PDB file of all heavy atoms in Angstrom:
ATOM      1  N   ALA A   1      10.656  20.062  -7.867  1.00  0.00           N
ATOM      2  CA  ALA A   1      11.042  18.624  -8.154  1.00  0.00           C
ATOM      3  C   ALA A   1      10.922  17.842  -7.008  1.00  0.00           C
ATOM      4  O   ALA A   1      10.999  16.600  -7.201  1.00  0.00           O
ATOM      5  CB  ALA A   1      12.507  18.774  -8.671  1.00  0.00           C
ATOM      6  N   SER A   2      10.739  18.320  -5.910  1.00  0.00           N
ATOM      7  CA  SER A   2      10.850  17.484  -4.670  1.00  0.00           C
ATOM      8  C   SER A   2       9.746  16.340  -4.590  1.00  0.00           C
ATOM      9  O   SER A   2      10.097  15.183  -4.436  1.00  0.00           O
ATOM     10  CB  SER A   2      10.665  18.492  -3.348  1.00  0.00           C
ATOM     11  OG  SER A   2      10.603  17.605  -2.232  1.00  0.00           O
ATOM     12  N   LEU A   3       8.593  16.720  -4.640  1.00  0.00           N
ATOM     13  CA  LEU A   3       7.436  15.745  -4.621  1.00  0.00           C
ATOM     14  C   LEU A   3       7.548  14.830  -5.872  1.00  0.00           C
ATOM     15  O   LEU A   3       7.243  13.600  -5.673  1.00  0.00           O
ATOM     16  CB  LEU A   3       6.046  16.410  -4.497  1.00  0.00           C
ATOM     17  CG  LEU A   3       4.963  15.352  -4.318  1.00  0.00           C
ATOM     18  CD1 LEU A   3       5.119  14.601  -2.983  1.00  0.00           C
ATOM     19  CD2 LEU A   3       3.674  16.140  -4.314  1.00  0.00           C
ATOM     20  N   ILE A   4       7.916  15.428  -6.988  1.00  0.00           N
ATOM     21  CA  ILE A   4       8.136  14.573  -8.157  1.00  0.00           C
ATOM     22  C   ILE A   4       9.169  13.392  -7.877  1.00  0.00           C
ATOM     23  O   ILE A   4       9.089  12.325  -8.324  1.00  0.00           O
ATOM     24  CB  ILE A   4       8.525  15.307  -9.369  1.00  0.00           C
ATOM     25  CG1 ILE A   4       7.301  16.225  -9.738  1.00  0.00           C
ATOM     26  CG2 ILE A   4       8.961  14.520 -10.506  1.00  0.00           C
ATOM     27  CD1 ILE A   4       7.623  17.313 -10.840  1.00  0.00           C
ATOM     28  N   SER A   5      10.196  13.715  -7.142  1.00  0.00           N
ATOM     29  CA  SER A   5      11.262  12.804  -6.844  1.00  0.00           C
ATOM     30  C   SER A   5      10.689  11.654  -6.059  1.00  0.00           C
ATOM     31  O   SER A   5      11.176  10.553  -6.200  1.00  0.00           O
ATOM     32  CB  SER A   5      12.406  13.445  -6.080  1.00  0.00           C
ATOM     33  OG  SER A   5      12.135  13.618  -4.706  1.00  0.00           O
ATOM     34  N   ARG A   6       9.607  11.827  -5.247  1.00  0.00           N
ATOM     35  CA  ARG A   6       9.025  10.766  -4.490  1.00  0.00           C
ATOM     36  C   ARG A   6       8.618   9.723  -5.506  1.00  0.00           C
ATOM     37  O   ARG A   6       8.823   8.457  -5.363  1.00  0.00           O
ATOM     38  CB  ARG A   6       7.932  11.179  -3.561  1.00  0.00           C
ATOM     39  CG  ARG A   6       7.175  10.135  -2.817  1.00  0.00           C
ATOM     40  CD  ARG A   6       5.872  10.616  -2.213  1.00  0.00           C
ATOM     41  NE  ARG A   6       4.774  10.803  -3.189  1.00  0.00           N
ATOM     42  CZ  ARG A   6       3.557  11.023  -2.950  1.00  0.00           C
ATOM     43  NH1 ARG A   6       3.248  11.436  -1.682  1.00  0.00           N
ATOM     44  NH2 ARG A   6       2.625  11.198  -3.835  1.00  0.00           N
ATOM     45  N   GLU A   7       7.934  10.153  -6.566  1.00  0.00           N
ATOM     46  CA  GLU A   7       7.316   9.293  -7.547  1.00  0.00           C
ATOM     47  C   GLU A   7       8.306   8.580  -8.369  1.00  0.00           C
ATOM     48  O   GLU A   7       8.309   7.445  -8.697  1.00  0.00           O
ATOM     49  CB  GLU A   7       6.389  10.073  -8.433  1.00  0.00           C
ATOM     50  CG  GLU A   7       5.186  10.770  -7.792  1.00  0.00           C
ATOM     51  CD  GLU A   7       4.280   9.809  -6.993  1.00  0.00           C
ATOM     52  OE1 GLU A   7       3.785   8.928  -7.647  1.00  0.00           O
ATOM     53  OE2 GLU A   7       4.218   9.891  -5.655  1.00  0.00           O
ATOM     54  N   LEU A   8       9.439   9.393  -8.792  1.00  0.00           N
ATOM     55  CA  LEU A   8      10.536   8.771  -9.558  1.00  0.00           C
ATOM     56  C   LEU A   8      11.286   7.744  -8.720  1.00  0.00           C
ATOM     57  O   LEU A   8      11.733   6.809  -9.273  1.00  0.00           O
ATOM     58  CB  LEU A   8      11.354   9.917 -10.202  1.00  0.00           C
ATOM     59  CG  LEU A   8      10.812  10.782 -11.243  1.00  0.00           C
ATOM     60  CD1 LEU A   8      11.825  11.882 -11.500  1.00  0.00           C
ATOM     61  CD2 LEU A   8      10.503   9.920 -12.527  1.00  0.00           C
ATOM     62  N   ILE A   9      11.551   7.907  -7.510  1.00  0.00           N
ATOM     63  CA  ILE A   9      12.123   6.938  -6.691  1.00  0.00           C
ATOM     64  C   ILE A   9      11.340   5.654  -6.652  1.00  0.00           C
ATOM     65  O   ILE A   9      11.872   4.574  -6.930  1.00  0.00           O
ATOM     66  CB  ILE A   9      12.303   7.482  -5.213  1.00  0.00           C
ATOM     67  CG1 ILE A   9      13.473   8.602  -5.217  1.00  0.00           C
ATOM     68  CG2 ILE A   9      12.786   6.339  -4.291  1.00  0.00           C
ATOM     69  CD1 ILE A   9      13.614   9.376  -3.993  1.00  0.00           C
ATOM     70  N   ALA A  10      10.100   5.833  -6.369  1.00  0.00           N
ATOM     71  CA  ALA A  10       9.250   4.660  -6.279  1.00  0.00           C
ATOM     72  C   ALA A  10       9.238   3.888  -7.713  1.00  0.00           C
ATOM     73  O   ALA A  10       9.336   2.710  -7.847  1.00  0.00           O
ATOM     74  CB  ALA A  10       7.801   5.058  -6.042  1.00  0.00           C
ATOM     75  N   ASP A  11       9.064   4.713  -8.851  1.00  0.00           N
ATOM     76  CA  ASP A  11       9.114   4.177 -10.170  1.00  0.00           C
ATOM     77  C   ASP A  11      10.427   3.335 -10.345  1.00  0.00           C
ATOM     78  O   ASP A  11      10.470   2.308 -10.907  1.00  0.00           O
ATOM     79  CB  ASP A  11       8.911   5.241 -11.109  1.00  0.00           C
ATOM     80  CG  ASP A  11       7.561   5.890 -11.172  1.00  0.00           C
ATOM     81  OD1 ASP A  11       6.598   5.305 -10.442  1.00  0.00           O
ATOM     82  OD2 ASP A  11       7.272   6.898 -11.823  1.00  0.00           O
ATOM     83  N   SER A  12      11.600   3.944 -10.134  1.00  0.00           N
ATOM     84  CA  SER A  12      12.826   3.426 -10.455  1.00  0.00           C
ATOM     85  C   SER A  12      13.105   2.160  -9.672  1.00  0.00           C
ATOM     86  O   SER A  12      13.611   1.151 -10.217  1.00  0.00           O
ATOM     87  CB  SER A  12      13.875   4.452 -10.343  1.00  0.00           C
ATOM     88  OG  SER A  12      14.148   4.787  -8.902  1.00  0.00           O
ATOM     89  N   VAL A  13      12.746   2.251  -8.359  1.00  0.00           N
ATOM     90  CA  VAL A  13      13.024   1.033  -7.643  1.00  0.00           C
ATOM     91  C   VAL A  13      12.100  -0.067  -8.085  1.00  0.00           C
ATOM     92  O   VAL A  13      12.539  -1.338  -8.211  1.00  0.00           O
ATOM     93  CB  VAL A  13      12.858   1.228  -6.127  1.00  0.00           C
ATOM     94  CG1 VAL A  13      12.958  -0.018  -5.280  1.00  0.00           C
ATOM     95  CG2 VAL A  13      13.862   2.287  -5.584  1.00  0.00           C
ATOM     96  N   GLU A  14      10.901   0.155  -8.315  1.00  0.00           N
ATOM     97  CA  GLU A  14       9.950  -0.824  -8.889  1.00  0.00           C
ATOM     98  C   GLU A  14      10.396  -1.405 -10.159  1.00  0.00           C
ATOM     99  O   GLU A  14      10.424  -2.617 -10.363  1.00  0.00           O
ATOM    100  CB  GLU A  14       8.614  -0.138  -9.079  1.00  0.00           C
ATOM    101  CG  GLU A  14       7.441  -1.072  -9.799  1.00  0.00           C
ATOM    102  CD  GLU A  14       6.218  -0.416 -10.148  1.00  0.00           C
ATOM    103  OE1 GLU A  14       6.158   0.805 -10.061  1.00  0.00           O
ATOM    104  OE2 GLU A  14       5.232  -1.132 -10.520  1.00  0.00           O
ATOM    105  N   LEU A  15      10.847  -0.531 -11.125  1.00  0.00           N
ATOM    106  CA  LEU A  15      11.423  -0.968 -12.333  1.00  0.00           C
ATOM    107  C   LEU A  15      12.551  -1.916 -12.319  1.00  0.00           C
ATOM    108  O   LEU A  15      12.682  -2.992 -12.910  1.00  0.00           O
ATOM    109  CB  LEU A  15      11.687   0.161 -13.313  1.00  0.00           C
ATOM    110  CG  LEU A  15      10.528   0.867 -13.995  1.00  0.00           C
ATOM    111  CD1 LEU A  15      10.951   2.158 -14.713  1.00  0.00           C
ATOM    112  CD2 LEU A  15       9.823  -0.142 -15.044  1.00  0.00           C
ATOM    113  N   VAL A  16      13.603  -1.478 -11.517  1.00  0.00           N
ATOM    114  CA  VAL A  16      14.831  -2.443 -11.383  1.00  0.00           C
ATOM    115  C   VAL A  16      14.439  -3.689 -10.666  1.00  0.00           C
ATOM    116  O   VAL A  16      14.839  -4.730 -11.203  1.00  0.00           O
ATOM    117  CB  VAL A  16      15.871  -1.658 -10.597  1.00  0.00           C
ATOM    118  CG1 VAL A  16      17.099  -2.463 -10.337  1.00  0.00           C
ATOM    119  CG2 VAL A  16      16.370  -0.430 -11.363  1.00  0.00           C
ATOM    120  N   SER A  17      13.727  -3.676  -9.635  1.00  0.00           N
ATOM    121  CA  SER A  17      13.270  -4.988  -8.954  1.00  0.00           C
ATOM    122  C   SER A  17      12.481  -5.830  -9.952  1.00  0.00           C
ATOM    123  O   SER A  17      12.791  -6.989  -9.959  1.00  0.00           O
ATOM    124  CB  SER A  17      12.397  -4.544  -7.836  1.00  0.00           C
ATOM    125  OG  SER A  17      13.003  -3.640  -6.861  1.00  0.00           O
ATOM    126  N   PHE A  18      11.593  -5.172 -10.786  1.00  0.00           N
ATOM    127  CA  PHE A  18      10.845  -6.101 -11.660  1.00  0.00           C
ATOM    128  C   PHE A  18      11.780  -6.585 -12.827  1.00  0.00           C
ATOM    129  O   PHE A  18      11.685  -7.727 -13.102  1.00  0.00           O
ATOM    130  CB  PHE A  18       9.747  -5.158 -12.237  1.00  0.00           C
ATOM    131  CG  PHE A  18       8.910  -5.850 -13.325  1.00  0.00           C
ATOM    132  CD1 PHE A  18       7.963  -6.710 -13.035  1.00  0.00           C
ATOM    133  CD2 PHE A  18       9.200  -5.535 -14.626  1.00  0.00           C
ATOM    134  CE1 PHE A  18       7.192  -7.374 -14.074  1.00  0.00           C
ATOM    135  CE2 PHE A  18       8.398  -6.211 -15.733  1.00  0.00           C
ATOM    136  CZ  PHE A  18       7.486  -7.079 -15.355  1.00  0.00           C
ATOM    137  N   GLY A  19      12.544  -5.690 -13.319  1.00  0.00           N
ATOM    138  CA  GLY A  19      13.353  -6.080 -14.487  1.00  0.00           C
ATOM    139  C   GLY A  19      14.403  -6.998 -14.276  1.00  0.00           C
ATOM    140  O   GLY A  19      14.745  -7.924 -15.046  1.00  0.00           O
ATOM    141  N   GLU A  20      14.981  -6.945 -13.086  1.00  0.00           N
ATOM    142  CA  GLU A  20      16.129  -7.794 -12.737  1.00  0.00           C
ATOM    143  C   GLU A  20      15.764  -9.021 -11.858  1.00  0.00           C
ATOM    144  O   GLU A  20      16.591  -9.781 -11.393  1.00  0.00           O
ATOM    145  CB  GLU A  20      17.217  -7.028 -11.915  1.00  0.00           C
ATOM    146  CG  GLU A  20      17.813  -5.787 -12.715  1.00  0.00           C
ATOM    147  CD  GLU A  20      18.313  -6.242 -14.071  1.00  0.00           C
ATOM    148  OE1 GLU A  20      19.005  -7.224 -13.991  1.00  0.00           O
ATOM    149  OE2 GLU A  20      18.171  -5.540 -15.105  1.00  0.00           O
ATOM    150  N   ARG A  21      14.405  -9.133 -11.722  1.00  0.00           N
ATOM    151  CA  ARG A  21      13.797 -10.395 -10.952  1.00  0.00           C
ATOM    152  C   ARG A  21      14.369 -10.574  -9.582  1.00  0.00           C
ATOM    153  O   ARG A  21      14.722 -11.711  -9.217  1.00  0.00           O
ATOM    154  CB  ARG A  21      14.039 -11.695 -11.828  1.00  0.00           C
ATOM    155  CG  ARG A  21      13.865 -11.473 -13.297  1.00  0.00           C
ATOM    156  CD  ARG A  21      12.419 -10.852 -13.620  1.00  0.00           C
ATOM    157  NE  ARG A  21      11.289 -11.577 -13.348  1.00  0.00           N
ATOM    158  CZ  ARG A  21      10.030 -11.086 -13.052  1.00  0.00           C
ATOM    159  NH1 ARG A  21       9.931  -9.851 -13.035  1.00  0.00           N
ATOM    160  NH2 ARG A  21       9.124 -11.961 -12.849  1.00  0.00           N
ATOM    161  N   MET A  22      14.276  -9.479  -8.842  1.00  0.00           N
ATOM    162  CA  MET A  22      14.888  -9.589  -7.376  1.00  0.00           C
ATOM    163  C   MET A  22      13.827 -10.201  -6.518  1.00  0.00           C
ATOM    164  O   MET A  22      12.624 -10.298  -6.801  1.00  0.00           O
ATOM    165  CB  MET A  22      15.182  -8.238  -6.949  1.00  0.00           C
ATOM    166  CG  MET A  22      16.434  -7.589  -7.643  1.00  0.00           C
ATOM    167  SD  MET A  22      16.762  -5.921  -7.208  1.00  0.00           S
ATOM    168  CE  MET A  22      18.280  -5.728  -8.169  1.00  0.00           C
ATOM    169  N   ASP A  23      14.383 -10.845  -5.361  1.00  0.00           N
ATOM    170  CA  ASP A  23      13.520 -11.570  -4.568  1.00  0.00           C
ATOM    171  C   ASP A  23      13.140 -10.830  -3.267  1.00  0.00           C
ATOM    172  O   ASP A  23      12.225 -11.116  -2.509  1.00  0.00           O
ATOM    173  CB  ASP A  23      14.241 -12.858  -4.033  1.00  0.00           C
ATOM    174  CG  ASP A  23      14.698 -13.710  -5.145  1.00  0.00           C
ATOM    175  OD1 ASP A  23      13.841 -14.044  -5.890  1.00  0.00           O
ATOM    176  OD2 ASP A  23      15.823 -14.056  -5.292  1.00  0.00           O
ATOM    177  N   GLY A  24      13.834  -9.721  -2.901  1.00  0.00           N
ATOM    178  CA  GLY A  24      13.606  -8.900  -1.784  1.00  0.00           C
ATOM    179  C   GLY A  24      14.350  -7.678  -1.733  1.00  0.00           C
ATOM    180  O   GLY A  24      15.209  -7.482  -2.742  1.00  0.00           O
ATOM    181  N   LEU A  25      14.134  -6.707  -0.857  1.00  0.00           N
ATOM    182  CA  LEU A  25      14.667  -5.314  -0.906  1.00  0.00           C
ATOM    183  C   LEU A  25      15.080  -4.974   0.434  1.00  0.00           C
ATOM    184  O   LEU A  25      14.429  -5.240   1.558  1.00  0.00           O
ATOM    185  CB  LEU A  25      13.623  -4.365  -1.404  1.00  0.00           C
ATOM    186  CG  LEU A  25      13.245  -4.567  -2.957  1.00  0.00           C
ATOM    187  CD1 LEU A  25      12.118  -3.592  -3.176  1.00  0.00           C
ATOM    188  CD2 LEU A  25      14.398  -4.185  -3.869  1.00  0.00           C
TER     189      LEU A  25
END
């Protein structure tokens, strides 16, 4: 699960930032 978590972290942060219309991180 370890390397898969790298992808899921990237996916989840991308999705929340996109969906909630954030300006920075």
